Amino acid sequence: MFSLKEKVAIVTGASSGIGRAAARLFAEHGAAVVVGARRETELAALVREIRDDGGRAEFVAGDVCDEGFSEALVKKATDTYGRLDIGFNNAGILGNLGPAAEMSAADWRQTLDVNLTGAFLCAKHQLPVMEEAGAGSLLFTSSVAGHTVGLPGMAAYGAAKLGLLGLTRVLAAEYGPKGIRVNALIPGATDTEMAVQSTGGSAEVLDFVRGLHALKRSASPEEIANAALFLVSDSASFLTGGGYLTDGGISINRT
């Protein structure tokens, strides 16, 4: 078991999918969690579920593109629990999909702002608290899109998610001497609202995407959350600067 006892974690993109599953899992393993996303109703329901199960949780609703939201998450963690040990900066969007030549500059910027700049802003405000404590763990959610797989129509999404791997490596080198580890997940297809959106809700397309994986299926959010739990826990104490494939073999499959 990967214990997070006495740890305090921020999880963004927590209203659904991987973020929601991770917040519940972190709390089950002892962490106090501060969850963030745009949808307040869903966050409030998640916090109630965690508390009903005996866990500790708070929420802050907001947009990761707003730097004040990143500050508010850290303030909520430190004011309520007195510390911050983990930042799972998971919030993301697909953005408008389509051929690169038909993409507007506004759509490009929005996708990069949420997926890449939003993660940077969260890290920017989490790092000083961790640096003061002399320890901490940051985790980003990247994607096989733009890394090992080029998916048509996802120019902005792929660029942003690959950018997170560069950010991961730089922050790991910069803050490793201060006791802070920085890593990234690289998931394949996962059964989330975003996955359904990417296929237009087509069962045929979903089946095709699942077939691209060596395991011939997509992941559940809980499976990706399990990998996140390991990487933020002390069991991964010598792992930093890495992007870890949690992709069901889509990166190596040719059948």
Protein backbone atom coordinates (compact mmCIF):
# COMPACT_ATOMS: atom_id res chain seq x y z
CA MET A 1 0.00 0.00 0.00
CA PHE A 2 1.24 3.49 -0.86
CA SER A 3 0.51 5.56 2.22
CA LEU A 4 -0.21 9.29 2.08
CA LYS A 5 -0.84 9.52 5.81
CA GLU A 6 -0.34 13.08 7.14
CA LYS A 7 0.15 14.39 3.58
CA VAL A 8 -1.78 17.30 2.08
CA ALA A 9 -2.56 17.24 -1.63
CA ILE A 10 -4.02 19.61 -4.19
CA VAL A 11 -5.78 17.96 -7.15
CA THR A 12 -6.99 20.03 -10.09
CA GLY A 13 -9.45 18.90 -12.72
CA ALA A 14 -11.13 17.05 -9.85
CA SER A 15 -14.78 17.41 -10.87
CA SER A 16 -14.61 14.29 -13.06
CA GLY A 17 -12.38 11.66 -14.64
CA ILE A 18 -8.81 11.08 -13.52
CA GLY A 19 -8.77 14.03 -11.11
CA ARG A 20 -11.90 12.90 -9.30
CA ALA A 21 -10.65 9.32 -9.03
CA ALA A 22 -7.26 10.50 -7.77
CA ALA A 23 -8.75 12.79 -5.13
CA ARG A 24 -10.83 9.94 -3.73
CA LEU A 25 -7.86 7.54 -3.83
CA PHE A 26 -5.48 10.00 -2.19
CA ALA A 27 -8.00 10.59 0.60
CA GLU A 28 -8.53 6.83 1.05
CA HIS A 29 -4.79 6.49 1.56
CA GLY A 30 -4.63 9.15 4.26
CA ALA A 31 -4.14 12.48 2.51
CA ALA A 32 -6.11 15.61 3.22
CA VAL A 33 -7.14 16.90 -0.20
CA VAL A 34 -7.99 20.28 -1.65
CA VAL A 35 -9.80 19.75 -4.93
CA GLY A 36 -10.21 22.30 -7.67
CA ALA A 37 -12.12 22.63 -10.95
CA ARG A 38 -14.59 24.97 -12.61
CA ARG A 39 -17.77 23.10 -11.61
CA GLU A 40 -18.65 23.95 -8.02
CA THR A 41 -21.60 21.55 -7.74
CA GLU A 42 -19.49 18.55 -8.70
CA LEU A 43 -16.68 19.59 -6.36
CA ALA A 44 -19.05 19.97 -3.44
CA ALA A 45 -20.47 16.49 -4.11
CA LEU A 46 -16.94 15.03 -4.23
CA VAL A 47 -16.00 16.64 -0.93
CA ARG A 48 -19.16 15.26 0.70
CA GLU A 49 -18.33 11.76 -0.55
CA ILE A 50 -14.79 11.93 0.80
CA ARG A 51 -15.96 13.24 4.17
CA ASP A 52 -18.72 10.63 4.38
CA ASP A 53 -16.01 8.00 3.94
CA GLY A 54 -14.05 9.49 6.84
CA GLY A 55 -11.60 11.54 4.80
CA ARG A 56 -10.60 15.17 4.89
CA ALA A 57 -11.38 17.42 1.95
CA GLU A 58 -11.98 21.03 0.92
CA PHE A 59 -12.69 22.56 -2.48
CA VAL A 60 -12.01 25.74 -4.40
CA ALA A 61 -13.90 26.37 -7.64
CA GLY A 62 -12.13 28.29 -10.38
CA ASP A 63 -10.29 28.31 -13.68
CA VAL A 64 -6.64 27.24 -13.89
CA CYS A 65 -6.06 30.01 -16.44
CA ASP A 66 -6.63 32.48 -13.59
CA GLU A 67 -3.48 32.79 -11.50
CA GLY A 68 -5.57 33.81 -8.52
CA PHE A 69 -7.16 30.36 -8.55
CA SER A 70 -3.75 28.71 -8.17
CA GLU A 71 -3.00 31.01 -5.25
CA ALA A 72 -6.38 30.26 -3.66
CA LEU A 73 -5.81 26.51 -3.80
CA VAL A 74 -2.48 26.82 -2.00
CA LYS A 75 -3.96 29.21 0.55
CA LYS A 76 -6.82 26.83 1.25
CA ALA A 77 -4.36 23.97 1.80
CA THR A 78 -2.03 25.90 4.10
CA ASP A 79 -4.78 27.74 6.01
CA THR A 80 -6.80 24.57 6.59
CA TYR A 81 -4.13 21.91 6.98
CA GLY A 82 -0.95 23.89 7.64
CA ARG A 83 1.14 22.45 4.83
CA LEU A 84 1.29 21.24 1.23
CA ASP A 85 3.05 18.04 0.18
CA ILE A 86 1.55 17.10 -3.19
CA GLY A 87 0.35 18.97 -6.25
CA PHE A 88 -1.43 16.83 -8.85
CA ASN A 89 -1.88 19.38 -11.62
CA ASN A 90 -4.24 17.41 -13.79
CA ALA A 91 -6.74 19.91 -15.23
CA GLY A 92 -7.04 19.86 -19.00
CA ILE A 93 -9.26 20.23 -22.03
CA LEU A 94 -9.21 18.81 -25.54
CA GLY A 95 -10.07 22.14 -27.09
CA ASN A 96 -11.62 22.41 -30.52
CA LEU A 97 -10.39 19.57 -32.70
CA GLY A 98 -9.69 19.78 -36.41
CA PRO A 99 -7.00 20.32 -39.06
CA ALA A 100 -4.22 22.65 -37.95
CA ALA A 101 -4.70 24.98 -40.93
CA GLU A 102 -8.32 25.52 -39.89
CA MET A 103 -7.60 26.19 -36.22
CA SER A 104 -8.05 29.75 -34.99
CA ALA A 105 -5.32 31.40 -32.97
CA ALA A 106 -7.85 31.85 -30.16
CA ASP A 107 -8.58 28.09 -30.03
CA TRP A 108 -4.84 27.35 -30.06
CA ARG A 109 -4.20 29.75 -27.18
CA GLN A 110 -7.10 28.46 -25.09
CA THR A 111 -5.93 24.85 -25.33
CA LEU A 112 -2.37 25.77 -24.40
CA ASP A 113 -3.54 28.12 -21.66
CA VAL A 114 -5.54 25.44 -19.87
CA ASN A 115 -3.31 22.42 -20.39
CA LEU A 116 0.17 23.96 -20.17
CA THR A 117 0.04 27.46 -18.72
CA GLY A 118 -2.57 26.43 -16.15
CA ALA A 119 -0.31 23.63 -14.92
CA PHE A 120 2.63 26.03 -14.77
CA LEU A 121 0.64 28.55 -12.70
CA CYS A 122 -0.37 25.87 -10.23
CA ALA A 123 3.23 24.69 -9.88
CA LYS A 124 4.46 28.27 -9.56
CA HIS A 125 2.44 28.77 -6.38
CA GLN A 126 2.90 25.27 -4.96
CA LEU A 127 6.68 25.19 -5.22
CA PRO A 128 7.53 27.96 -2.70
CA VAL A 129 5.53 26.23 0.05
CA MET A 130 7.22 22.92 -0.68
CA GLU A 131 10.61 24.58 -0.91
CA GLU A 132 10.14 26.09 2.53
CA ALA A 133 9.30 22.63 3.90
CA GLY A 134 12.25 21.03 2.07
CA ALA A 135 10.11 18.36 0.41
CA GLY A 136 7.22 17.84 -1.97
CA SER A 137 5.94 16.07 -5.05
CA LEU A 138 4.45 17.57 -8.21
CA LEU A 139 2.68 15.49 -10.83
CA PHE A 140 1.32 16.56 -14.22
CA THR A 141 -1.03 14.74 -16.58
CA SER A 142 0.50 14.61 -20.04
CA SER A 143 -0.73 12.31 -22.86
CA VAL A 144 0.48 9.94 -25.53
CA ALA A 145 -0.96 12.50 -27.96
CA GLY A 146 2.02 14.50 -29.20
CA HIS A 147 4.49 12.25 -27.37
CA THR A 148 4.45 8.76 -28.85
CA VAL A 149 1.31 9.08 -30.96
CA GLY A 150 0.37 11.73 -33.50
CA LEU A 151 -3.41 12.02 -33.56
CA PRO A 152 -4.90 14.05 -36.42
CA GLY A 153 -6.89 17.07 -35.30
CA MET A 154 -5.03 17.47 -32.00
CA ALA A 155 -2.26 19.93 -32.87
CA ALA A 156 -2.86 22.23 -29.90
CA TYR A 157 -3.62 19.45 -27.44
CA GLY A 158 -0.57 17.42 -28.49
CA ALA A 159 1.70 20.47 -28.30
CA ALA A 160 0.45 21.39 -24.84
CA LYS A 161 0.72 17.87 -23.44
CA LEU A 162 4.23 17.42 -24.82
CA GLY A 163 5.11 20.81 -23.35
CA LEU A 164 4.22 19.44 -19.93
CA LEU A 165 7.00 16.87 -20.27
CA GLY A 166 9.50 19.64 -20.91
CA LEU A 167 8.18 21.55 -17.91
CA THR A 168 8.48 18.39 -15.82
CA ARG A 169 12.16 17.91 -16.67
CA VAL A 170 13.13 21.52 -16.05
CA LEU A 171 11.32 21.75 -12.72
CA ALA A 172 12.78 18.41 -11.61
CA ALA A 173 16.30 19.68 -12.28
CA GLU A 174 15.61 23.08 -10.77
CA TYR A 175 13.94 21.90 -7.57
CA GLY A 176 15.51 18.47 -7.01
CA PRO A 177 18.25 19.98 -4.81
CA LYS A 178 15.45 21.41 -2.66
CA GLY A 179 13.85 18.03 -2.02
CA ILE A 180 11.02 18.36 -4.53
CA ARG A 181 10.22 15.62 -7.04
CA VAL A 182 8.44 16.39 -10.33
CA ASN A 183 6.95 13.76 -12.64
CA ALA A 184 4.30 13.31 -15.32
CA LEU A 185 1.78 10.65 -16.23
CA ILE A 186 1.40 9.77 -19.92
CA PRO A 187 -2.00 8.09 -20.21
CA GLY A 188 -3.52 6.47 -23.23
CA ALA A 189 -7.27 6.44 -23.83
CA THR A 190 -9.20 6.67 -20.56
CA ASP A 191 -12.94 6.32 -20.00
CA THR A 192 -13.73 9.95 -19.16
CA GLU A 193 -16.08 12.67 -20.37
CA MET A 194 -13.17 14.04 -22.40
CA ALA A 195 -12.68 10.71 -24.17
CA VAL A 196 -16.32 10.63 -25.21
CA GLN A 197 -16.03 14.23 -26.41
CA SER A 198 -12.98 13.37 -28.55
CA THR A 199 -14.93 10.75 -30.47
CA GLY A 200 -18.16 12.69 -30.80
CA GLY A 201 -19.82 9.99 -28.70
CA SER A 202 -19.44 7.43 -31.49
CA ALA A 203 -19.34 3.85 -30.19
CA GLU A 204 -17.60 2.78 -33.39
CA VAL A 205 -14.81 5.33 -32.95
CA LEU A 206 -14.44 4.45 -29.26
CA ASP A 207 -14.01 0.78 -30.19
CA PHE A 208 -11.42 1.70 -32.83
CA VAL A 209 -9.41 3.76 -30.31
CA ARG A 210 -9.53 0.95 -27.77
CA GLY A 211 -8.24 -1.44 -30.41
CA LEU A 212 -5.13 0.69 -30.91
CA HIS A 213 -3.93 -0.37 -27.46
CA ALA A 214 -2.02 -3.59 -26.84
CA LEU A 215 -4.55 -4.41 -24.11
CA LYS A 216 -7.42 -3.75 -26.57
CA ARG A 217 -9.24 -1.54 -24.13
CA SER A 218 -9.10 1.87 -22.55
CA ALA A 219 -8.26 2.58 -18.92
CA SER A 220 -10.64 3.40 -16.14
CA PRO A 221 -9.90 6.69 -14.34
CA GLU A 222 -9.13 4.62 -11.25
CA GLU A 223 -6.33 2.76 -13.05
CA ILE A 224 -4.61 6.02 -13.94
CA ALA A 225 -5.22 7.29 -10.41
CA ASN A 226 -3.39 4.23 -9.05
CA ALA A 227 -0.30 5.23 -11.03
CA ALA A 228 -0.63 8.78 -9.73
CA LEU A 229 -0.84 7.49 -6.17
CA PHE A 230 2.45 5.63 -6.56
CA LEU A 231 4.28 8.57 -8.12
CA VAL A 232 3.27 11.10 -5.45
CA SER A 233 3.93 8.69 -2.58
CA ASP A 234 7.20 8.18 -0.75
CA SER A 235 7.45 4.75 -2.43
CA ALA A 236 8.61 6.69 -5.52
CA SER A 237 11.14 8.69 -3.52
CA PHE A 238 13.96 8.32 -6.10
CA LEU A 239 11.82 9.01 -9.17
CA THR A 240 11.94 12.51 -10.60
CA GLY A 241 11.99 14.16 -14.00
CA GLY A 242 10.21 11.30 -15.70
CA GLY A 243 7.22 10.84 -17.95
CA TYR A 244 5.61 7.50 -17.12
CA LEU A 245 3.61 5.65 -19.75
CA THR A 246 0.27 4.50 -18.38
CA ASP A 247 -1.07 3.84 -21.84
CA GLY A 248 -2.15 0.22 -22.14
CA GLY A 249 0.54 -0.32 -24.74
CA ILE A 250 -0.73 2.10 -27.39
CA SER A 251 2.81 3.45 -27.77
CA ILE A 252 4.26 0.08 -28.79
CA ASN A 253 1.30 -1.64 -30.42
CA ARG A 254 1.17 -2.20 -34.20
CA THR A 255 -1.66 -4.74 -34.39
